[in-house]
Amino acid sequence: MTITKSSPVSLPATGYLRLPDVLRLYPVSRSTWWAGCRSGRYPPPIKLGVRCTAWRAEDIRALIERAANAEAMA
């Protein structure tokens, strides 16, 4: 059995993040993430191609900052 470590994901200043990278930064399940995108809780995806979906790094950064601020206030 091979155990692989996930490399840390750095959040670029600009650009796009694919779903696995987003979920490493904001640890929720895939189904929770997609439900949150549909409901407006999480940022909407950007279609880069027929089978390529990503999220703007700026939107993910803002989401993480909002979550951190909400946690600090609680």
PDB file of N, CA and C in Angstrom:
ATOM      1  N   MET A   1       0.838  -1.163   0.000  1.00  0.00           N
ATOM      2  CA  MET A   1       0.000   0.000   0.000  1.00  0.00           C
ATOM      3  C   MET A   1       0.891   1.236   0.000  1.00  0.00           C
ATOM      4  N   THR A   2       0.621   2.127  -0.902  1.00  0.00           N
ATOM      5  CA  THR A   2       1.385   3.352  -0.993  1.00  0.00           C
ATOM      6  C   THR A   2       0.588   4.490  -0.395  1.00  0.00           C
ATOM      7  N   ILE A   3       1.217   5.231   0.475  1.00  0.00           N
ATOM      8  CA  ILE A   3       0.575   6.390   1.086  1.00  0.00           C
ATOM      9  C   ILE A   3       1.212   7.615   0.465  1.00  0.00           C
ATOM     10  N   THR A   4       0.362   8.461  -0.089  1.00  0.00           N
ATOM     11  CA  THR A   4       0.866   9.688  -0.690  1.00  0.00           C
ATOM     12  C   THR A   4       0.418  10.862   0.156  1.00  0.00           C
ATOM     13  N   LYS A   5       1.302  11.809   0.294  1.00  0.00           N
ATOM     14  CA  LYS A   5       0.974  13.027   1.011  1.00  0.00           C
ATOM     15  C   LYS A   5       0.504  14.064   0.002  1.00  0.00           C
ATOM     16  N   SER A   6      -0.513  14.793   0.380  1.00  0.00           N
ATOM     17  CA  SER A   6      -0.961  15.885  -0.462  1.00  0.00           C
ATOM     18  C   SER A   6      -0.001  17.045  -0.282  1.00  0.00           C
ATOM     19  N   SER A   7       0.445  17.583  -1.372  1.00  0.00           N
ATOM     20  CA  SER A   7       1.319  18.740  -1.262  1.00  0.00           C
ATOM     21  C   SER A   7       0.473  19.944  -0.881  1.00  0.00           C
ATOM     22  N   PRO A   8       1.029  20.835  -0.079  1.00  0.00           N
ATOM     23  CA  PRO A   8       0.257  22.000   0.326  1.00  0.00           C
ATOM     24  C   PRO A   8      -0.098  22.854  -0.887  1.00  0.00           C
ATOM     25  N   VAL A   9      -1.287  23.395  -0.853  1.00  0.00           N
ATOM     26  CA  VAL A   9      -1.752  24.235  -1.949  1.00  0.00           C
ATOM     27  C   VAL A   9      -1.531  25.679  -1.553  1.00  0.00           C
ATOM     28  N   SER A  10      -0.827  26.395  -2.387  1.00  0.00           N
ATOM     29  CA  SER A  10      -0.669  27.822  -2.131  1.00  0.00           C
ATOM     30  C   SER A  10      -1.744  28.541  -2.943  1.00  0.00           C
ATOM     31  N   LEU A  11      -2.267  29.575  -2.380  1.00  0.00           N
ATOM     32  CA  LEU A  11      -3.325  30.328  -3.025  1.00  0.00           C
ATOM     33  C   LEU A  11      -2.695  31.446  -3.846  1.00  0.00           C
ATOM     34  N   PRO A  12      -2.751  31.333  -5.168  1.00  0.00           N
ATOM     35  CA  PRO A  12      -2.144  32.378  -5.998  1.00  0.00           C
ATOM     36  C   PRO A  12      -2.911  33.689  -5.873  1.00  0.00           C
ATOM     37  N   ALA A  13      -2.261  34.787  -6.181  1.00  0.00           N
ATOM     38  CA  ALA A  13      -2.903  36.099  -6.105  1.00  0.00           C
ATOM     39  C   ALA A  13      -4.034  36.211  -7.119  1.00  0.00           C
ATOM     40  N   THR A  14      -3.802  35.692  -8.306  1.00  0.00           N
ATOM     41  CA  THR A  14      -4.821  35.684  -9.351  1.00  0.00           C
ATOM     42  C   THR A  14      -4.773  34.337 -10.051  1.00  0.00           C
ATOM     43  N   GLY A  15      -5.741  34.090 -10.862  1.00  0.00           N
ATOM     44  CA  GLY A  15      -5.766  32.848 -11.618  1.00  0.00           C
ATOM     45  C   GLY A  15      -6.958  31.999 -11.215  1.00  0.00           C
ATOM     46  N   TYR A  16      -6.856  30.718 -11.528  1.00  0.00           N
ATOM     47  CA  TYR A  16      -7.954  29.799 -11.298  1.00  0.00           C
ATOM     48  C   TYR A  16      -7.491  28.587 -10.503  1.00  0.00           C
ATOM     49  N   LEU A  17      -8.420  28.022  -9.728  1.00  0.00           N
ATOM     50  CA  LEU A  17      -8.160  26.815  -8.953  1.00  0.00           C
ATOM     51  C   LEU A  17      -9.165  25.756  -9.369  1.00  0.00           C
ATOM     52  N   ARG A  18      -8.688  24.544  -9.555  1.00  0.00           N
ATOM     53  CA  ARG A  18      -9.571  23.422  -9.841  1.00  0.00           C
ATOM     54  C   ARG A  18     -10.144  22.895  -8.528  1.00  0.00           C
ATOM     55  N   LEU A  19     -11.179  22.073  -8.617  1.00  0.00           N
ATOM     56  CA  LEU A  19     -11.896  21.612  -7.434  1.00  0.00           C
ATOM     57  C   LEU A  19     -11.009  20.931  -6.391  1.00  0.00           C
ATOM     58  N   PRO A  20     -10.112  20.010  -6.760  1.00  0.00           N
ATOM     59  CA  PRO A  20      -9.277  19.398  -5.714  1.00  0.00           C
ATOM     60  C   PRO A  20      -8.463  20.416  -4.911  1.00  0.00           C
ATOM     61  N   ASP A  21      -7.980  21.454  -5.584  1.00  0.00           N
ATOM     62  CA  ASP A  21      -7.216  22.492  -4.886  1.00  0.00           C
ATOM     63  C   ASP A  21      -8.113  23.309  -3.967  1.00  0.00           C
ATOM     64  N   VAL A  22      -9.317  23.628  -4.444  1.00  0.00           N
ATOM     65  CA  VAL A  22     -10.264  24.379  -3.619  1.00  0.00           C
ATOM     66  C   VAL A  22     -10.591  23.588  -2.359  1.00  0.00           C
ATOM     67  N   LEU A  23     -10.826  22.281  -2.514  1.00  0.00           N
ATOM     68  CA  LEU A  23     -11.216  21.462  -1.367  1.00  0.00           C
ATOM     69  C   LEU A  23     -10.061  21.244  -0.391  1.00  0.00           C
ATOM     70  N   ARG A  24      -8.831  21.371  -0.829  1.00  0.00           N
ATOM     71  CA  ARG A  24      -7.697  21.322   0.105  1.00  0.00           C
ATOM     72  C   ARG A  24      -7.635  22.593   0.943  1.00  0.00           C
ATOM     73  N   LEU A  25      -8.036  23.707   0.349  1.00  0.00           N
ATOM     74  CA  LEU A  25      -8.013  24.986   1.057  1.00  0.00           C
ATOM     75  C   LEU A  25      -9.247  25.186   1.928  1.00  0.00           C
ATOM     76  N   TYR A  26     -10.379  24.671   1.471  1.00  0.00           N
ATOM     77  CA  TYR A  26     -11.650  24.836   2.175  1.00  0.00           C
ATOM     78  C   TYR A  26     -12.246  23.438   2.321  1.00  0.00           C
ATOM     79  N   PRO A  27     -11.892  22.731   3.384  1.00  0.00           N
ATOM     80  CA  PRO A  27     -12.188  21.303   3.489  1.00  0.00           C
ATOM     81  C   PRO A  27     -13.654  20.966   3.754  1.00  0.00           C
ATOM     82  N   VAL A  28     -14.394  20.797   2.683  1.00  0.00           N
ATOM     83  CA  VAL A  28     -15.754  20.264   2.732  1.00  0.00           C
ATOM     84  C   VAL A  28     -15.817  19.160   1.682  1.00  0.00           C
ATOM     85  N   SER A  29     -16.877  18.369   1.713  1.00  0.00           N
ATOM     86  CA  SER A  29     -17.001  17.303   0.720  1.00  0.00           C
ATOM     87  C   SER A  29     -17.364  17.893  -0.644  1.00  0.00           C
ATOM     88  N   ARG A  30     -17.140  17.104  -1.671  1.00  0.00           N
ATOM     89  CA  ARG A  30     -17.468  17.544  -3.032  1.00  0.00           C
ATOM     90  C   ARG A  30     -18.955  17.880  -3.151  1.00  0.00           C
ATOM     91  N   SER A  31     -19.805  17.014  -2.592  1.00  0.00           N
ATOM     92  CA  SER A  31     -21.244  17.243  -2.709  1.00  0.00           C
ATOM     93  C   SER A  31     -21.670  18.495  -1.939  1.00  0.00           C
ATOM     94  N   THR A  32     -21.066  18.728  -0.777  1.00  0.00           N
ATOM     95  CA  THR A  32     -21.365  19.946  -0.019  1.00  0.00           C
ATOM     96  C   THR A  32     -20.924  21.173  -0.798  1.00  0.00           C
ATOM     97  N   TRP A  33     -19.754  21.084  -1.431  1.00  0.00           N
ATOM     98  CA  TRP A  33     -19.255  22.219  -2.214  1.00  0.00           C
ATOM     99  C   TRP A  33     -20.198  22.548  -3.361  1.00  0.00           C
ATOM    100  N   TRP A  34     -20.600  21.529  -4.117  1.00  0.00           N
ATOM    101  CA  TRP A  34     -21.484  21.771  -5.263  1.00  0.00           C
ATOM    102  C   TRP A  34     -22.840  22.287  -4.819  1.00  0.00           C
ATOM    103  N   ALA A  35     -23.372  21.770  -3.718  1.00  0.00           N
ATOM    104  CA  ALA A  35     -24.646  22.265  -3.196  1.00  0.00           C
ATOM    105  C   ALA A  35     -24.504  23.730  -2.776  1.00  0.00           C
ATOM    106  N   GLY A  36     -23.371  24.071  -2.168  1.00  0.00           N
ATOM    107  CA  GLY A  36     -23.116  25.457  -1.780  1.00  0.00           C
ATOM    108  C   GLY A  36     -22.973  26.387  -2.970  1.00  0.00           C
ATOM    109  N   CYS A  37     -22.411  25.891  -4.052  1.00  0.00           N
ATOM    110  CA  CYS A  37     -22.309  26.699  -5.275  1.00  0.00           C
ATOM    111  C   CYS A  37     -23.701  26.964  -5.849  1.00  0.00           C
ATOM    112  N   ARG A  38     -24.545  25.933  -5.828  1.00  0.00           N
ATOM    113  CA  ARG A  38     -25.910  26.100  -6.340  1.00  0.00           C
ATOM    114  C   ARG A  38     -26.727  27.064  -5.481  1.00  0.00           C
ATOM    115  N   SER A  39     -26.516  27.016  -4.160  1.00  0.00           N
ATOM    116  CA  SER A  39     -27.306  27.854  -3.261  1.00  0.00           C
ATOM    117  C   SER A  39     -26.767  29.283  -3.140  1.00  0.00           C
ATOM    118  N   GLY A  40     -25.540  29.511  -3.599  1.00  0.00           N
ATOM    119  CA  GLY A  40     -24.936  30.838  -3.498  1.00  0.00           C
ATOM    120  C   GLY A  40     -24.053  31.007  -2.271  1.00  0.00           C
ATOM    121  N   ARG A  41     -23.919  29.966  -1.480  1.00  0.00           N
ATOM    122  CA  ARG A  41     -23.056  30.041  -0.285  1.00  0.00           C
ATOM    123  C   ARG A  41     -21.584  30.119  -0.682  1.00  0.00           C
ATOM    124  N   TYR A  42     -21.212  29.414  -1.735  1.00  0.00           N
ATOM    125  CA  TYR A  42     -19.842  29.396  -2.236  1.00  0.00           C
ATOM    126  C   TYR A  42     -19.802  30.070  -3.604  1.00  0.00           C
ATOM    127  N   PRO A  43     -18.633  30.507  -4.044  1.00  0.00           N
ATOM    128  CA  PRO A  43     -18.533  31.211  -5.331  1.00  0.00           C
ATOM    129  C   PRO A  43     -18.967  30.331  -6.504  1.00  0.00           C
ATOM    130  N   PRO A  44     -19.497  30.957  -7.532  1.00  0.00           N
ATOM    131  CA  PRO A  44     -19.909  30.182  -8.707  1.00  0.00           C
ATOM    132  C   PRO A  44     -18.689  29.699  -9.493  1.00  0.00           C
ATOM    133  N   PRO A  45     -18.818  28.545 -10.132  1.00  0.00           N
ATOM    134  CA  PRO A  45     -17.713  28.044 -10.947  1.00  0.00           C
ATOM    135  C   PRO A  45     -17.620  28.788 -12.274  1.00  0.00           C
ATOM    136  N   ILE A  46     -16.440  28.724 -12.852  1.00  0.00           N
ATOM    137  CA  ILE A  46     -16.170  29.290 -14.173  1.00  0.00           C
ATOM    138  C   ILE A  46     -15.877  28.113 -15.103  1.00  0.00           C
ATOM    139  N   LYS A  47     -16.577  28.028 -16.213  1.00  0.00           N
ATOM    140  CA  LYS A  47     -16.308  26.969 -17.184  1.00  0.00           C
ATOM    141  C   LYS A  47     -15.156  27.416 -18.080  1.00  0.00           C
ATOM    142  N   LEU A  48     -14.057  26.679 -18.029  1.00  0.00           N
ATOM    143  CA  LEU A  48     -12.894  26.991 -18.866  1.00  0.00           C
ATOM    144  C   LEU A  48     -12.915  26.183 -20.151  1.00  0.00           C
ATOM    145  N   GLY A  49     -13.731  25.173 -20.183  1.00  0.00           N
ATOM    146  CA  GLY A  49     -13.842  24.309 -21.347  1.00  0.00           C
ATOM    147  C   GLY A  49     -15.012  23.366 -21.145  1.00  0.00           C
ATOM    148  N   VAL A  50     -15.165  22.422 -22.049  1.00  0.00           N
ATOM    149  CA  VAL A  50     -16.278  21.493 -21.980  1.00  0.00           C
ATOM    150  C   VAL A  50     -16.255  20.695 -20.679  1.00  0.00           C
ATOM    151  N   ARG A  51     -15.103  20.201 -20.288  1.00  0.00           N
ATOM    152  CA  ARG A  51     -14.986  19.398 -19.071  1.00  0.00           C
ATOM    153  C   ARG A  51     -14.009  20.002 -18.070  1.00  0.00           C
ATOM    154  N   CYS A  52     -13.890  21.308 -18.082  1.00  0.00           N
ATOM    155  CA  CYS A  52     -12.928  21.982 -17.212  1.00  0.00           C
ATOM    156  C   CYS A  52     -13.624  23.116 -16.457  1.00  0.00           C
ATOM    157  N   THR A  53     -13.761  22.927 -15.149  1.00  0.00           N
ATOM    158  CA  THR A  53     -14.395  23.915 -14.287  1.00  0.00           C
ATOM    159  C   THR A  53     -13.378  24.371 -13.254  1.00  0.00           C
ATOM    160  N   ALA A  54     -13.399  25.653 -12.958  1.00  0.00           N
ATOM    161  CA  ALA A  54     -12.454  26.203 -11.985  1.00  0.00           C
ATOM    162  C   ALA A  54     -13.121  27.358 -11.251  1.00  0.00           C
ATOM    163  N   TRP A  55     -12.429  27.854 -10.232  1.00  0.00           N
ATOM    164  CA  TRP A  55     -12.902  28.989  -9.456  1.00  0.00           C
ATOM    165  C   TRP A  55     -11.807  30.039  -9.428  1.00  0.00           C
ATOM    166  N   ARG A  56     -12.207  31.292  -9.449  1.00  0.00           N
ATOM    167  CA  ARG A  56     -11.237  32.381  -9.393  1.00  0.00           C
ATOM    168  C   ARG A  56     -10.556  32.374  -8.037  1.00  0.00           C
ATOM    169  N   ALA A  57      -9.250  32.518  -8.024  1.00  0.00           N
ATOM    170  CA  ALA A  57      -8.482  32.524  -6.777  1.00  0.00           C
ATOM    171  C   ALA A  57      -8.945  33.654  -5.866  1.00  0.00           C
ATOM    172  N   GLU A  58      -9.306  34.790  -6.441  1.00  0.00           N
ATOM    173  CA  GLU A  58      -9.770  35.925  -5.650  1.00  0.00           C
ATOM    174  C   GLU A  58     -11.048  35.579  -4.892  1.00  0.00           C
ATOM    175  N   ASP A  59     -11.966  34.839  -5.546  1.00  0.00           N
ATOM    176  CA  ASP A  59     -13.220  34.444  -4.904  1.00  0.00           C
ATOM    177  C   ASP A  59     -12.970  33.466  -3.760  1.00  0.00           C
ATOM    178  N   ILE A  60     -12.045  32.538  -3.945  1.00  0.00           N
ATOM    179  CA  ILE A  60     -11.737  31.560  -2.899  1.00  0.00           C
ATOM    180  C   ILE A  60     -11.053  32.261  -1.722  1.00  0.00           C
ATOM    181  N   ARG A  61     -10.178  33.193  -2.007  1.00  0.00           N
ATOM    182  CA  ARG A  61      -9.520  33.955  -0.942  1.00  0.00           C
ATOM    183  C   ARG A  61     -10.571  34.716  -0.119  1.00  0.00           C
ATOM    184  N   ALA A  62     -11.517  35.362  -0.785  1.00  0.00           N
ATOM    185  CA  ALA A  62     -12.569  36.098  -0.083  1.00  0.00           C
ATOM    186  C   ALA A  62     -13.427  35.160   0.764  1.00  0.00           C
ATOM    187  N   LEU A  63     -13.725  33.976   0.254  1.00  0.00           N
ATOM    188  CA  LEU A  63     -14.495  32.987   1.005  1.00  0.00           C
ATOM    189  C   LEU A  63     -13.759  32.573   2.275  1.00  0.00           C
ATOM    190  N   ILE A  64     -12.480  32.298   2.156  1.00  0.00           N
ATOM    191  CA  ILE A  64     -11.677  31.891   3.311  1.00  0.00           C
ATOM    192  C   ILE A  64     -11.599  33.018   4.338  1.00  0.00           C
ATOM    193  N   GLU A  65     -11.435  34.244   3.877  1.00  0.00           N
ATOM    194  CA  GLU A  65     -11.377  35.388   4.787  1.00  0.00           C
ATOM    195  C   GLU A  65     -12.710  35.595   5.504  1.00  0.00           C
ATOM    196  N   ARG A  66     -13.835  35.451   4.788  1.00  0.00           N
ATOM    197  CA  ARG A  66     -15.150  35.571   5.426  1.00  0.00           C
ATOM    198  C   ARG A  66     -15.339  34.506   6.496  1.00  0.00           C
ATOM    199  N   ALA A  67     -14.925  33.277   6.172  1.00  0.00           N
ATOM    200  CA  ALA A  67     -15.055  32.179   7.140  1.00  0.00           C
ATOM    201  C   ALA A  67     -14.190  32.438   8.366  1.00  0.00           C
ATOM    202  N   ALA A  68     -12.983  32.950   8.165  1.00  0.00           N
ATOM    203  CA  ALA A  68     -12.090  33.248   9.291  1.00  0.00           C
ATOM    204  C   ALA A  68     -12.663  34.369  10.153  1.00  0.00           C
ATOM    205  N   ASN A  69     -13.226  35.390   9.521  1.00  0.00           N
ATOM    206  CA  ASN A  69     -13.821  36.498  10.274  1.00  0.00           C
ATOM    207  C   ASN A  69     -15.042  36.031  11.056  1.00  0.00           C
ATOM    208  N   ALA A  70     -15.863  35.185  10.455  1.00  0.00           N
ATOM    209  CA  ALA A  70     -17.046  34.667  11.141  1.00  0.00           C
ATOM    210  C   ALA A  70     -16.645  33.809  12.335  1.00  0.00           C
ATOM    211  N   GLU A  71     -15.582  33.033  12.161  1.00  0.00           N
ATOM    212  CA  GLU A  71     -15.093  32.181  13.249  1.00  0.00           C
ATOM    213  C   GLU A  71     -14.521  33.032  14.383  1.00  0.00           C
ATOM    214  N   ALA A  72     -13.843  34.121  14.038  1.00  0.00           N
ATOM    215  CA  ALA A  72     -13.253  34.995  15.051  1.00  0.00           C
ATOM    216  C   ALA A  72     -14.337  35.712  15.854  1.00  0.00           C
ATOM    217  N   MET A  73     -15.458  36.013  15.214  1.00  0.00           N
ATOM    218  CA  MET A  73     -16.545  36.708  15.896  1.00  0.00           C
ATOM    219  C   MET A  73     -17.355  35.763  16.776  1.00  0.00           C
ATOM    220  N   ALA A  74     -17.307  34.466  16.506  1.00  0.00           N
ATOM    221  CA  ALA A  74     -18.119  33.502  17.269  1.00  0.00           C
ATOM    222  C   ALA A  74     -17.534  33.211  18.628  1.00  0.00           C
TER     223      ALA A  74
END
